[in-house]
């Protein structure tokens, strides 16, 4: 297998083994109480980052209609410009927002919103089709989610979509969507070396789905830069007090997780990789369906993440060494 390439599930479309996640470049947005962005961004730097990714061989970009209340799609569309036909763009629907005020307005799980949300995405991206449109509501009941299959297939027939998927961490939901949808090509789920998802990996491999991996760097913790106790900005989602924010506490890396990252750093360094590159290489070694989509806010981050492509997956020996450390760490969790 060409280590720098992946097949986009059942579509047969070839893309880079690494994608760029475009949540952070959407910039700040909130519902008046909680922040859902990753802090302030420089749009010009974001555009340079997308274009640098293209230069380094990245051909896959993942965003969502709601990121930055639509701003992520606007920036990505501007950056791609005349090369749209050479890349694969994934977006998502399911959450509403006000673009002008950058305000998150909540969920809309209705079938009519699918089409109206897509029209907004097409306008912001400056394109007439999206390659992969993903249901963004991960815990929707399966019967309700399956109501989207027919309208999604209609949008494929109209040429507005090439394929679709579901962003969910539940293998039963992913399987039901894929089995019902002829043009379902992907499932997006959270996974990293700190949080393996064997059932999701099995589902994507068994059903021929691309595994679009969000959170491949554990919300940035696996970059190693939070080992010094630094905190994120107050308008960063990682500073929010929400139950699922386990890797960060009060905006800083949670000490027990930082310690585990430091243990893994030693293993990753043996291959000449940075901690982030090692974390991405572990995912490629974990499954040939895995397409990690680390986020970025700077050209430097793009260059580091894209640099993992040249180094490729961990070798069998390196992967085994990481697994040994992980087994030891899991034992530590059990003891605690």
C-alpha atoms as a PDB file:
ATOM      1  CA  UNK A   1       0.000   0.000   0.000  1.00  0.00           C
ATOM      2  CA  UNK A   2       1.191   3.510  -0.824  1.00  0.00           C
ATOM      3  CA  UNK A   3       1.645   4.901   2.667  1.00  0.00           C
ATOM      4  CA  UNK A   4       0.853   8.491   1.704  1.00  0.00           C
ATOM      5  CA  UNK A   5      -2.511   7.623   0.123  1.00  0.00           C
ATOM      6  CA  UNK A   6      -5.850   6.218   1.227  1.00  0.00           C
ATOM      7  CA  UNK A   7      -9.054   5.257  -0.559  1.00  0.00           C
ATOM      8  CA  UNK A   8     -12.136   7.187   0.492  1.00  0.00           C
ATOM      9  CA  UNK A   9     -14.141   4.158   1.463  1.00  0.00           C
ATOM     10  CA  UNK A  10     -16.462   2.634  -1.107  1.00  0.00           C
ATOM     11  CA  UNK A  11     -16.137   5.656  -3.409  1.00  0.00           C
ATOM     12  CA  UNK A  12     -12.799   4.447  -4.780  1.00  0.00           C
ATOM     13  CA  UNK A  13     -11.554   8.042  -4.707  1.00  0.00           C
ATOM     14  CA  UNK A  14      -7.884   8.331  -3.761  1.00  0.00           C
ATOM     15  CA  UNK A  15      -6.947  10.967  -1.182  1.00  0.00           C
ATOM     16  CA  UNK A  16      -3.968  11.735   1.001  1.00  0.00           C
ATOM     17  CA  UNK A  17      -3.596   9.534   4.086  1.00  0.00           C
ATOM     18  CA  UNK A  18      -3.683  12.730   6.135  1.00  0.00           C
ATOM     19  CA  UNK A  19      -6.414  15.337   6.056  1.00  0.00           C
ATOM     20  CA  UNK A  20      -6.561  18.775   7.596  1.00  0.00           C
ATOM     21  CA  UNK A  21      -9.263  19.436  10.172  1.00  0.00           C
ATOM     22  CA  UNK A  22     -10.672  22.921   9.757  1.00  0.00           C
ATOM     23  CA  UNK A  23     -12.571  23.417  13.014  1.00  0.00           C
ATOM     24  CA  UNK A  24      -9.965  25.732  14.551  1.00  0.00           C
ATOM     25  CA  UNK A  25      -9.654  28.038  11.534  1.00  0.00           C
ATOM     26  CA  UNK A  26     -13.314  28.953  11.917  1.00  0.00           C
ATOM     27  CA  UNK A  27     -12.324  31.151  14.827  1.00  0.00           C
ATOM     28  CA  UNK A  28     -14.388  31.993  17.903  1.00  0.00           C
ATOM     29  CA  UNK A  29     -18.119  31.407  18.146  1.00  0.00           C
ATOM     30  CA  UNK A  30     -20.394  30.843  21.141  1.00  0.00           C
ATOM     31  CA  UNK A  31     -23.964  30.570  22.346  1.00  0.00           C
ATOM     32  CA  UNK A  32     -23.464  33.417  24.803  1.00  0.00           C
ATOM     33  CA  UNK A  33     -22.407  31.062  27.581  1.00  0.00           C
ATOM     34  CA  UNK A  34     -20.018  28.482  26.147  1.00  0.00           C
ATOM     35  CA  UNK A  35     -17.303  28.875  23.529  1.00  0.00           C
ATOM     36  CA  UNK A  36     -17.122  26.361  20.674  1.00  0.00           C
ATOM     37  CA  UNK A  37     -14.051  27.567  18.793  1.00  0.00           C
ATOM     38  CA  UNK A  38     -10.345  27.203  19.484  1.00  0.00           C
ATOM     39  CA  UNK A  39      -9.572  30.837  20.169  1.00  0.00           C
ATOM     40  CA  UNK A  40      -8.622  33.723  17.915  1.00  0.00           C
ATOM     41  CA  UNK A  41      -7.249  33.059  14.452  1.00  0.00           C
ATOM     42  CA  UNK A  42      -5.638  34.980  11.602  1.00  0.00           C
ATOM     43  CA  UNK A  43      -7.561  34.270   8.401  1.00  0.00           C
ATOM     44  CA  UNK A  44      -4.568  35.104   6.220  1.00  0.00           C
ATOM     45  CA  UNK A  45      -2.451  32.596   8.137  1.00  0.00           C
ATOM     46  CA  UNK A  46      -5.222  30.010   7.841  1.00  0.00           C
ATOM     47  CA  UNK A  47      -5.304  30.457   4.072  1.00  0.00           C
ATOM     48  CA  UNK A  48      -1.529  30.137   3.913  1.00  0.00           C
ATOM     49  CA  UNK A  49      -1.828  26.973   5.995  1.00  0.00           C
ATOM     50  CA  UNK A  50      -4.340  25.367   3.618  1.00  0.00           C
ATOM     51  CA  UNK A  51      -2.195  26.226   0.612  1.00  0.00           C
ATOM     52  CA  UNK A  52       0.942  24.928   2.309  1.00  0.00           C
ATOM     53  CA  UNK A  53      -0.874  21.673   3.034  1.00  0.00           C
ATOM     54  CA  UNK A  54      -1.649  21.368  -0.670  1.00  0.00           C
ATOM     55  CA  UNK A  55       2.026  21.901  -1.516  1.00  0.00           C
ATOM     56  CA  UNK A  56       2.930  19.101   0.900  1.00  0.00           C
ATOM     57  CA  UNK A  57       0.553  16.603  -0.693  1.00  0.00           C
ATOM     58  CA  UNK A  58      -2.572  16.956   1.450  1.00  0.00           C
ATOM     59  CA  UNK A  59      -5.711  16.622  -0.683  1.00  0.00           C
ATOM     60  CA  UNK A  60      -8.401  16.121   1.981  1.00  0.00           C
ATOM     61  CA  UNK A  61     -10.000  18.858   4.097  1.00  0.00           C
ATOM     62  CA  UNK A  62     -12.704  18.368   6.724  1.00  0.00           C
ATOM     63  CA  UNK A  63     -14.922  21.156   8.021  1.00  0.00           C
ATOM     64  CA  UNK A  64     -18.515  21.658   9.210  1.00  0.00           C
ATOM     65  CA  UNK A  65     -21.216  24.176   8.466  1.00  0.00           C
ATOM     66  CA  UNK A  66     -21.239  25.266  12.108  1.00  0.00           C
ATOM     67  CA  UNK A  67     -17.477  25.743  12.662  1.00  0.00           C
ATOM     68  CA  UNK A  68     -17.007  29.419  13.376  1.00  0.00           C
ATOM     69  CA  UNK A  69     -20.712  29.821  12.516  1.00  0.00           C
ATOM     70  CA  UNK A  70     -19.852  29.187   8.877  1.00  0.00           C
ATOM     71  CA  UNK A  71     -16.532  31.023   8.848  1.00  0.00           C
ATOM     72  CA  UNK A  72     -14.420  27.873   8.502  1.00  0.00           C
ATOM     73  CA  UNK A  73     -16.136  27.055   5.216  1.00  0.00           C
ATOM     74  CA  UNK A  74     -15.637  30.626   3.986  1.00  0.00           C
ATOM     75  CA  UNK A  75     -11.899  30.544   4.725  1.00  0.00           C
ATOM     76  CA  UNK A  76     -11.450  27.072   3.249  1.00  0.00           C
ATOM     77  CA  UNK A  77     -13.311  28.088   0.096  1.00  0.00           C
ATOM     78  CA  UNK A  78     -11.102  31.135  -0.340  1.00  0.00           C
ATOM     79  CA  UNK A  79      -7.958  29.078   0.181  1.00  0.00           C
ATOM     80  CA  UNK A  80      -8.868  26.348  -2.288  1.00  0.00           C
ATOM     81  CA  UNK A  81      -9.855  28.749  -5.047  1.00  0.00           C
ATOM     82  CA  UNK A  82      -9.004  27.312  -8.435  1.00  0.00           C
ATOM     83  CA  UNK A  83      -7.832  23.922  -7.152  1.00  0.00           C
ATOM     84  CA  UNK A  84     -11.242  22.739  -5.911  1.00  0.00           C
ATOM     85  CA  UNK A  85     -11.352  19.921  -8.474  1.00  0.00           C
ATOM     86  CA  UNK A  86      -8.047  18.530  -7.181  1.00  0.00           C
ATOM     87  CA  UNK A  87      -9.133  18.098  -3.557  1.00  0.00           C
ATOM     88  CA  UNK A  88     -11.767  16.285  -1.525  1.00  0.00           C
ATOM     89  CA  UNK A  89     -13.853  18.396   0.844  1.00  0.00           C
ATOM     90  CA  UNK A  90     -15.927  16.987   3.687  1.00  0.00           C
ATOM     91  CA  UNK A  91     -18.411  19.038   5.684  1.00  0.00           C
ATOM     92  CA  UNK A  92     -21.240  18.374   8.157  1.00  0.00           C
ATOM     93  CA  UNK A  93     -24.795  19.412   8.919  1.00  0.00           C
ATOM     94  CA  UNK A  94     -26.973  19.344  12.027  1.00  0.00           C
ATOM     95  CA  UNK A  95     -26.280  22.529  13.984  1.00  0.00           C
ATOM     96  CA  UNK A  96     -27.680  25.999  13.360  1.00  0.00           C
ATOM     97  CA  UNK A  97     -26.028  29.359  13.776  1.00  0.00           C
ATOM     98  CA  UNK A  98     -26.115  33.040  12.903  1.00  0.00           C
ATOM     99  CA  UNK A  99     -23.229  33.903  10.586  1.00  0.00           C
ATOM    100  CA  UNK A 100     -23.239  37.641  11.219  1.00  0.00           C
ATOM    101  CA  UNK A 101     -22.964  37.453  15.009  1.00  0.00           C
ATOM    102  CA  UNK A 102     -20.949  34.195  15.125  1.00  0.00           C
ATOM    103  CA  UNK A 103     -23.602  32.710  17.407  1.00  0.00           C
ATOM    104  CA  UNK A 104     -24.359  29.012  17.859  1.00  0.00           C
ATOM    105  CA  UNK A 105     -28.133  28.494  17.934  1.00  0.00           C
ATOM    106  CA  UNK A 106     -28.439  24.783  18.648  1.00  0.00           C
ATOM    107  CA  UNK A 107     -29.356  21.617  16.837  1.00  0.00           C
ATOM    108  CA  UNK A 108     -31.739  21.097  13.935  1.00  0.00           C
ATOM    109  CA  UNK A 109     -32.297  17.397  13.289  1.00  0.00           C
ATOM    110  CA  UNK A 110     -35.018  17.824  10.669  1.00  0.00           C
ATOM    111  CA  UNK A 111     -34.849  16.455   7.138  1.00  0.00           C
ATOM    112  CA  UNK A 112     -35.615  19.864   5.523  1.00  0.00           C
ATOM    113  CA  UNK A 113     -32.591  21.390   7.278  1.00  0.00           C
ATOM    114  CA  UNK A 114     -30.293  18.952   5.470  1.00  0.00           C
ATOM    115  CA  UNK A 115     -30.924  20.611   2.123  1.00  0.00           C
ATOM    116  CA  UNK A 116     -30.972  24.207   3.376  1.00  0.00           C
ATOM    117  CA  UNK A 117     -27.773  23.647   5.359  1.00  0.00           C
ATOM    118  CA  UNK A 118     -26.065  22.153   2.305  1.00  0.00           C
ATOM    119  CA  UNK A 119     -27.024  25.164   0.191  1.00  0.00           C
ATOM    120  CA  UNK A 120     -25.345  27.384   2.768  1.00  0.00           C
ATOM    121  CA  UNK A 121     -22.231  25.209   2.740  1.00  0.00           C
ATOM    122  CA  UNK A 122     -22.013  25.346  -1.054  1.00  0.00           C
ATOM    123  CA  UNK A 123     -22.312  29.136  -0.986  1.00  0.00           C
ATOM    124  CA  UNK A 124     -19.636  29.588   1.666  1.00  0.00           C
ATOM    125  CA  UNK A 125     -17.249  27.079   0.093  1.00  0.00           C
ATOM    126  CA  UNK A 126     -17.724  28.623  -3.346  1.00  0.00           C
ATOM    127  CA  UNK A 127     -18.440  25.271  -4.971  1.00  0.00           C
ATOM    128  CA  UNK A 128     -21.369  23.379  -6.460  1.00  0.00           C
ATOM    129  CA  UNK A 129     -20.737  20.058  -4.688  1.00  0.00           C
ATOM    130  CA  UNK A 130     -19.408  18.584  -1.444  1.00  0.00           C
ATOM    131  CA  UNK A 131     -17.505  15.311  -1.622  1.00  0.00           C
ATOM    132  CA  UNK A 132     -18.579  13.946   1.773  1.00  0.00           C
ATOM    133  CA  UNK A 133     -21.483  15.423   3.758  1.00  0.00           C
ATOM    134  CA  UNK A 134     -21.674  14.080   7.296  1.00  0.00           C
ATOM    135  CA  UNK A 135     -24.427  13.971   9.876  1.00  0.00           C
ATOM    136  CA  UNK A 136     -22.958  15.950  12.774  1.00  0.00           C
ATOM    137  CA  UNK A 137     -25.341  14.738  15.512  1.00  0.00           C
ATOM    138  CA  UNK A 138     -23.493  11.711  16.835  1.00  0.00           C
ATOM    139  CA  UNK A 139     -26.121  10.360  19.237  1.00  0.00           C
ATOM    140  CA  UNK A 140     -29.215  10.585  17.023  1.00  0.00           C
ATOM    141  CA  UNK A 141     -31.519   7.568  17.199  1.00  0.00           C
ATOM    142  CA  UNK A 142     -30.895   5.182  14.312  1.00  0.00           C
ATOM    143  CA  UNK A 143     -34.450   5.199  12.897  1.00  0.00           C
ATOM    144  CA  UNK A 144     -34.404   9.003  12.752  1.00  0.00           C
ATOM    145  CA  UNK A 145     -30.958   9.067  11.132  1.00  0.00           C
ATOM    146  CA  UNK A 146     -32.072   6.624   8.460  1.00  0.00           C
ATOM    147  CA  UNK A 147     -34.719   9.127   7.357  1.00  0.00           C
ATOM    148  CA  UNK A 148     -31.836  11.099   5.834  1.00  0.00           C
ATOM    149  CA  UNK A 149     -30.743   8.315   3.466  1.00  0.00           C
ATOM    150  CA  UNK A 150     -33.326   8.970   0.748  1.00  0.00           C
ATOM    151  CA  UNK A 151     -32.746  12.767   0.603  1.00  0.00           C
ATOM    152  CA  UNK A 152     -28.985  12.200   0.685  1.00  0.00           C
ATOM    153  CA  UNK A 153     -29.262   9.838  -2.266  1.00  0.00           C
ATOM    154  CA  UNK A 154     -31.341  12.469  -4.087  1.00  0.00           C
ATOM    155  CA  UNK A 155     -28.591  15.038  -3.492  1.00  0.00           C
ATOM    156  CA  UNK A 156     -26.031  12.573  -4.889  1.00  0.00           C
ATOM    157  CA  UNK A 157     -28.202  12.100  -7.981  1.00  0.00           C
ATOM    158  CA  UNK A 158     -28.391  15.882  -8.376  1.00  0.00           C
ATOM    159  CA  UNK A 159     -24.590  16.123  -8.274  1.00  0.00           C
ATOM    160  CA  UNK A 160     -24.513  18.224  -5.110  1.00  0.00           C
ATOM    161  CA  UNK A 161     -22.917  15.403  -3.112  1.00  0.00           C
ATOM    162  CA  UNK A 162     -20.485  12.682  -4.103  1.00  0.00           C
ATOM    163  CA  UNK A 163     -20.973  10.733  -0.889  1.00  0.00           C
ATOM    164  CA  UNK A 164     -21.961  11.048   2.742  1.00  0.00           C
ATOM    165  CA  UNK A 165     -21.316   9.655   6.215  1.00  0.00           C
ATOM    166  CA  UNK A 166     -22.009  10.022   9.917  1.00  0.00           C
ATOM    167  CA  UNK A 167     -19.824  11.579  12.585  1.00  0.00           C
ATOM    168  CA  UNK A 168     -20.472   9.187  15.462  1.00  0.00           C
ATOM    169  CA  UNK A 169     -18.445   7.142  17.916  1.00  0.00           C
ATOM    170  CA  UNK A 170     -21.040   4.361  17.993  1.00  0.00           C
ATOM    171  CA  UNK A 171     -20.380   1.321  15.772  1.00  0.00           C
ATOM    172  CA  UNK A 172     -24.053   0.284  15.660  1.00  0.00           C
ATOM    173  CA  UNK A 173     -25.052   3.701  14.328  1.00  0.00           C
ATOM    174  CA  UNK A 174     -22.204   3.730  11.807  1.00  0.00           C
ATOM    175  CA  UNK A 175     -23.081   0.265  10.544  1.00  0.00           C
ATOM    176  CA  UNK A 176     -26.795   1.019  10.189  1.00  0.00           C
ATOM    177  CA  UNK A 177     -26.099   4.157   8.151  1.00  0.00           C
ATOM    178  CA  UNK A 178     -23.578   2.411   5.908  1.00  0.00           C
ATOM    179  CA  UNK A 179     -25.747  -0.628   5.322  1.00  0.00           C
ATOM    180  CA  UNK A 180     -28.755   1.533   4.365  1.00  0.00           C
ATOM    181  CA  UNK A 181     -26.914   4.080   2.241  1.00  0.00           C
ATOM    182  CA  UNK A 182     -25.441   3.078  -1.147  1.00  0.00           C
ATOM    183  CA  UNK A 183     -23.274   6.227  -1.226  1.00  0.00           C
ATOM    184  CA  UNK A 184     -22.245   6.165   2.431  1.00  0.00           C
ATOM    185  CA  UNK A 185     -18.451   6.251   2.155  1.00  0.00           C
ATOM    186  CA  UNK A 186     -17.157   7.231   5.582  1.00  0.00           C
ATOM    187  CA  UNK A 187     -17.618   7.302   9.316  1.00  0.00           C
ATOM    188  CA  UNK A 188     -15.926   9.995  11.371  1.00  0.00           C
ATOM    189  CA  UNK A 189     -14.982   9.121  14.920  1.00  0.00           C
ATOM    190  CA  UNK A 190     -12.752  10.219  17.760  1.00  0.00           C
ATOM    191  CA  UNK A 191      -9.605   8.131  18.177  1.00  0.00           C
ATOM    192  CA  UNK A 192      -6.007   8.598  19.203  1.00  0.00           C
ATOM    193  CA  UNK A 193      -3.193   6.620  20.728  1.00  0.00           C
ATOM    194  CA  UNK A 194      -4.701   7.648  24.083  1.00  0.00           C
ATOM    195  CA  UNK A 195      -8.194   6.438  23.149  1.00  0.00           C
ATOM    196  CA  UNK A 196      -8.337   3.409  20.864  1.00  0.00           C
ATOM    197  CA  UNK A 197     -11.708   2.529  19.284  1.00  0.00           C
ATOM    198  CA  UNK A 198     -11.437  -1.135  18.270  1.00  0.00           C
ATOM    199  CA  UNK A 199     -15.161  -1.512  17.538  1.00  0.00           C
ATOM    200  CA  UNK A 200     -15.134   1.526  15.253  1.00  0.00           C
ATOM    201  CA  UNK A 201     -12.011   0.278  13.459  1.00  0.00           C
ATOM    202  CA  UNK A 202     -13.637  -3.119  12.934  1.00  0.00           C
ATOM    203  CA  UNK A 203     -16.810  -1.505  11.597  1.00  0.00           C
ATOM    204  CA  UNK A 204     -15.006   0.724   9.107  1.00  0.00           C
ATOM    205  CA  UNK A 205     -12.809  -2.154   7.892  1.00  0.00           C
ATOM    206  CA  UNK A 206     -15.683  -4.636   7.607  1.00  0.00           C
ATOM    207  CA  UNK A 207     -17.966  -2.259   5.706  1.00  0.00           C
ATOM    208  CA  UNK A 208     -15.304  -0.665   3.514  1.00  0.00           C
ATOM    209  CA  UNK A 209     -15.693   2.799   5.039  1.00  0.00           C
ATOM    210  CA  UNK A 210     -13.059   5.466   5.327  1.00  0.00           C
ATOM    211  CA  UNK A 211     -12.323   6.074   8.996  1.00  0.00           C
ATOM    212  CA  UNK A 212     -12.015   9.846   9.275  1.00  0.00           C
ATOM    213  CA  UNK A 213     -10.232  10.244  12.600  1.00  0.00           C
ATOM    214  CA  UNK A 214     -11.057  13.376  14.580  1.00  0.00           C
ATOM    215  CA  UNK A 215      -9.110  14.127  17.729  1.00  0.00           C
ATOM    216  CA  UNK A 216      -6.006  12.272  16.467  1.00  0.00           C
ATOM    217  CA  UNK A 217      -3.808  14.458  18.684  1.00  0.00           C
ATOM    218  CA  UNK A 218      -6.150  14.346  21.700  1.00  0.00           C
ATOM    219  CA  UNK A 219      -7.189  17.990  21.226  1.00  0.00           C
ATOM    220  CA  UNK A 220      -3.535  18.972  20.902  1.00  0.00           C
ATOM    221  CA  UNK A 221      -2.269  17.216  24.007  1.00  0.00           C
ATOM    222  CA  UNK A 222      -0.245  14.734  21.942  1.00  0.00           C
ATOM    223  CA  UNK A 223       1.763  17.582  20.427  1.00  0.00           C
ATOM    224  CA  UNK A 224       3.664  17.612  23.710  1.00  0.00           C
ATOM    225  CA  UNK A 225       3.543  21.391  24.027  1.00  0.00           C
ATOM    226  CA  UNK A 226       1.281  21.373  27.082  1.00  0.00           C
ATOM    227  CA  UNK A 227       3.802  19.544  29.260  1.00  0.00           C
ATOM    228  CA  UNK A 228       4.993  22.889  30.653  1.00  0.00           C
ATOM    229  CA  UNK A 229       1.606  23.720  32.177  1.00  0.00           C
ATOM    230  CA  UNK A 230       0.612  26.385  29.659  1.00  0.00           C
ATOM    231  CA  UNK A 231      -3.090  27.156  29.349  1.00  0.00           C
ATOM    232  CA  UNK A 232      -5.255  27.899  26.330  1.00  0.00           C
ATOM    233  CA  UNK A 233      -7.173  31.150  25.843  1.00  0.00           C
ATOM    234  CA  UNK A 234     -10.440  31.748  27.672  1.00  0.00           C
ATOM    235  CA  UNK A 235     -12.380  31.634  24.385  1.00  0.00           C
ATOM    236  CA  UNK A 236     -10.989  28.188  23.517  1.00  0.00           C
ATOM    237  CA  UNK A 237     -13.341  25.215  23.869  1.00  0.00           C
ATOM    238  CA  UNK A 238     -10.621  23.413  25.834  1.00  0.00           C
ATOM    239  CA  UNK A 239     -11.119  25.965  28.625  1.00  0.00           C
ATOM    240  CA  UNK A 240     -14.788  25.011  28.985  1.00  0.00           C
ATOM    241  CA  UNK A 241     -16.011  23.003  31.974  1.00  0.00           C
ATOM    242  CA  UNK A 242     -17.847  20.207  30.194  1.00  0.00           C
ATOM    243  CA  UNK A 243     -17.971  16.503  31.180  1.00  0.00           C
ATOM    244  CA  UNK A 244     -16.269  15.193  28.036  1.00  0.00           C
ATOM    245  CA  UNK A 245     -13.279  17.560  28.334  1.00  0.00           C
ATOM    246  CA  UNK A 246     -11.002  15.007  29.996  1.00  0.00           C
ATOM    247  CA  UNK A 247      -7.640  15.918  28.473  1.00  0.00           C
ATOM    248  CA  UNK A 248      -7.744  19.515  29.725  1.00  0.00           C
ATOM    249  CA  UNK A 249      -8.663  20.983  33.098  1.00  0.00           C
ATOM    250  CA  UNK A 250      -9.215  24.731  33.466  1.00  0.00           C
ATOM    251  CA  UNK A 251      -7.623  25.165  30.048  1.00  0.00           C
ATOM    252  CA  UNK A 252      -4.365  23.330  30.879  1.00  0.00           C
ATOM    253  CA  UNK A 253      -3.335  19.767  30.154  1.00  0.00           C
ATOM    254  CA  UNK A 254      -4.673  17.398  32.798  1.00  0.00           C
ATOM    255  CA  UNK A 255      -1.584  16.222  34.732  1.00  0.00           C
ATOM    256  CA  UNK A 256      -2.354  12.499  34.516  1.00  0.00           C
ATOM    257  CA  UNK A 257      -2.759  12.698  30.740  1.00  0.00           C
ATOM    258  CA  UNK A 258       0.305  14.886  30.281  1.00  0.00           C
ATOM    259  CA  UNK A 259       2.350  12.264  32.133  1.00  0.00           C
ATOM    260  CA  UNK A 260       1.130   9.572  29.761  1.00  0.00           C
ATOM    261  CA  UNK A 261       1.986  11.674  26.737  1.00  0.00           C
ATOM    262  CA  UNK A 262       5.502  12.113  28.089  1.00  0.00           C
ATOM    263  CA  UNK A 263       5.899   8.341  28.327  1.00  0.00           C
ATOM    264  CA  UNK A 264       4.839   7.938  24.709  1.00  0.00           C
ATOM    265  CA  UNK A 265       7.168  10.731  23.582  1.00  0.00           C
ATOM    266  CA  UNK A 266      10.154   8.479  24.287  1.00  0.00           C
ATOM    267  CA  UNK A 267       8.837   5.767  21.956  1.00  0.00           C
ATOM    268  CA  UNK A 268       7.861   8.125  19.158  1.00  0.00           C
ATOM    269  CA  UNK A 269      11.266   9.795  19.224  1.00  0.00           C
ATOM    270  CA  UNK A 270      12.978   6.538  18.303  1.00  0.00           C
ATOM    271  CA  UNK A 271      11.720   6.914  14.748  1.00  0.00           C
ATOM    272  CA  UNK A 272      12.940  10.494  14.479  1.00  0.00           C
ATOM    273  CA  UNK A 273       9.408  11.786  14.758  1.00  0.00           C
ATOM    274  CA  UNK A 274       7.949  14.576  16.812  1.00  0.00           C
ATOM    275  CA  UNK A 275       5.297  13.539  19.363  1.00  0.00           C
ATOM    276  CA  UNK A 276       2.538  14.669  17.001  1.00  0.00           C
ATOM    277  CA  UNK A 277       4.029  12.789  14.062  1.00  0.00           C
ATOM    278  CA  UNK A 278       4.352   9.675  16.179  1.00  0.00           C
ATOM    279  CA  UNK A 279       0.709   9.896  17.210  1.00  0.00           C
ATOM    280  CA  UNK A 280      -0.366  10.145  13.560  1.00  0.00           C
ATOM    281  CA  UNK A 281       1.952   7.287  12.568  1.00  0.00           C
ATOM    282  CA  UNK A 282       0.365   5.086  15.241  1.00  0.00           C
ATOM    283  CA  UNK A 283      -3.068   5.636  13.663  1.00  0.00           C
ATOM    284  CA  UNK A 284      -1.835   4.621  10.204  1.00  0.00           C
ATOM    285  CA  UNK A 285      -0.279   1.494  11.662  1.00  0.00           C
ATOM    286  CA  UNK A 286      -3.500   0.785  13.550  1.00  0.00           C
ATOM    287  CA  UNK A 287      -5.671   0.586  10.429  1.00  0.00           C
ATOM    288  CA  UNK A 288      -5.356   1.117   6.677  1.00  0.00           C
ATOM    289  CA  UNK A 289      -8.769   2.793   6.759  1.00  0.00           C
ATOM    290  CA  UNK A 290      -7.577   5.519   9.151  1.00  0.00           C
ATOM    291  CA  UNK A 291      -7.417   9.080   7.799  1.00  0.00           C
ATOM    292  CA  UNK A 292      -6.475  11.397  10.673  1.00  0.00           C
ATOM    293  CA  UNK A 293      -7.534  15.044  10.408  1.00  0.00           C
ATOM    294  CA  UNK A 294      -5.461  17.073  12.890  1.00  0.00           C
ATOM    295  CA  UNK A 295      -6.458  20.690  13.265  1.00  0.00           C
ATOM    296  CA  UNK A 296      -4.226  23.692  12.647  1.00  0.00           C
ATOM    297  CA  UNK A 297      -4.016  27.436  13.126  1.00  0.00           C
ATOM    298  CA  UNK A 298      -0.605  28.093  11.624  1.00  0.00           C
ATOM    299  CA  UNK A 299       1.612  27.120   8.717  1.00  0.00           C
ATOM    300  CA  UNK A 300       4.074  25.647  11.203  1.00  0.00           C
ATOM    301  CA  UNK A 301       1.463  23.223  12.531  1.00  0.00           C
ATOM    302  CA  UNK A 302       0.565  22.209   8.981  1.00  0.00           C
ATOM    303  CA  UNK A 303       4.196  21.541   8.144  1.00  0.00           C
ATOM    304  CA  UNK A 304       4.743  19.413  11.230  1.00  0.00           C
ATOM    305  CA  UNK A 305       1.596  17.347  10.712  1.00  0.00           C
ATOM    306  CA  UNK A 306       2.108  16.927   6.972  1.00  0.00           C
ATOM    307  CA  UNK A 307       5.706  15.923   7.666  1.00  0.00           C
ATOM    308  CA  UNK A 308       4.334  12.708   9.139  1.00  0.00           C
ATOM    309  CA  UNK A 309       3.386  11.599   5.616  1.00  0.00           C
ATOM    310  CA  UNK A 310       7.032  11.238   4.600  1.00  0.00           C
ATOM    311  CA  UNK A 311       7.813   9.152   7.683  1.00  0.00           C
ATOM    312  CA  UNK A 312       4.786   6.896   7.204  1.00  0.00           C
ATOM    313  CA  UNK A 313       3.196   4.449   9.677  1.00  0.00           C
ATOM    314  CA  UNK A 314       5.029   3.079  12.670  1.00  0.00           C
ATOM    315  CA  UNK A 315       6.926  -0.105  11.915  1.00  0.00           C
ATOM    316  CA  UNK A 316       5.663  -3.339  13.463  1.00  0.00           C
ATOM    317  CA  UNK A 317       8.419  -3.072  16.065  1.00  0.00           C
ATOM    318  CA  UNK A 318       7.615   0.552  16.894  1.00  0.00           C
ATOM    319  CA  UNK A 319       3.897  -0.199  17.079  1.00  0.00           C
ATOM    320  CA  UNK A 320       4.563  -3.119  19.427  1.00  0.00           C
ATOM    321  CA  UNK A 321       6.703  -0.904  21.656  1.00  0.00           C
ATOM    322  CA  UNK A 322       3.894   1.658  21.880  1.00  0.00           C
ATOM    323  CA  UNK A 323       1.391  -1.102  22.674  1.00  0.00           C
ATOM    324  CA  UNK A 324       3.614  -2.272  25.521  1.00  0.00           C
ATOM    325  CA  UNK A 325       3.620   1.221  27.016  1.00  0.00           C
ATOM    326  CA  UNK A 326      -0.132   1.547  26.540  1.00  0.00           C
ATOM    327  CA  UNK A 327      -0.734  -1.767  28.291  1.00  0.00           C
ATOM    328  CA  UNK A 328       1.357  -0.527  31.200  1.00  0.00           C
ATOM    329  CA  UNK A 329      -0.554   2.766  31.268  1.00  0.00           C
ATOM    330  CA  UNK A 330      -3.900   0.964  31.187  1.00  0.00           C
ATOM    331  CA  UNK A 331      -2.712  -1.018  34.179  1.00  0.00           C
ATOM    332  CA  UNK A 332      -1.957   2.258  35.890  1.00  0.00           C
ATOM    333  CA  UNK A 333      -5.481   3.464  35.212  1.00  0.00           C
ATOM    334  CA  UNK A 334      -6.895   0.289  36.698  1.00  0.00           C
ATOM    335  CA  UNK A 335      -4.758   0.706  39.794  1.00  0.00           C
ATOM    336  CA  UNK A 336      -6.025   4.244  40.287  1.00  0.00           C
END
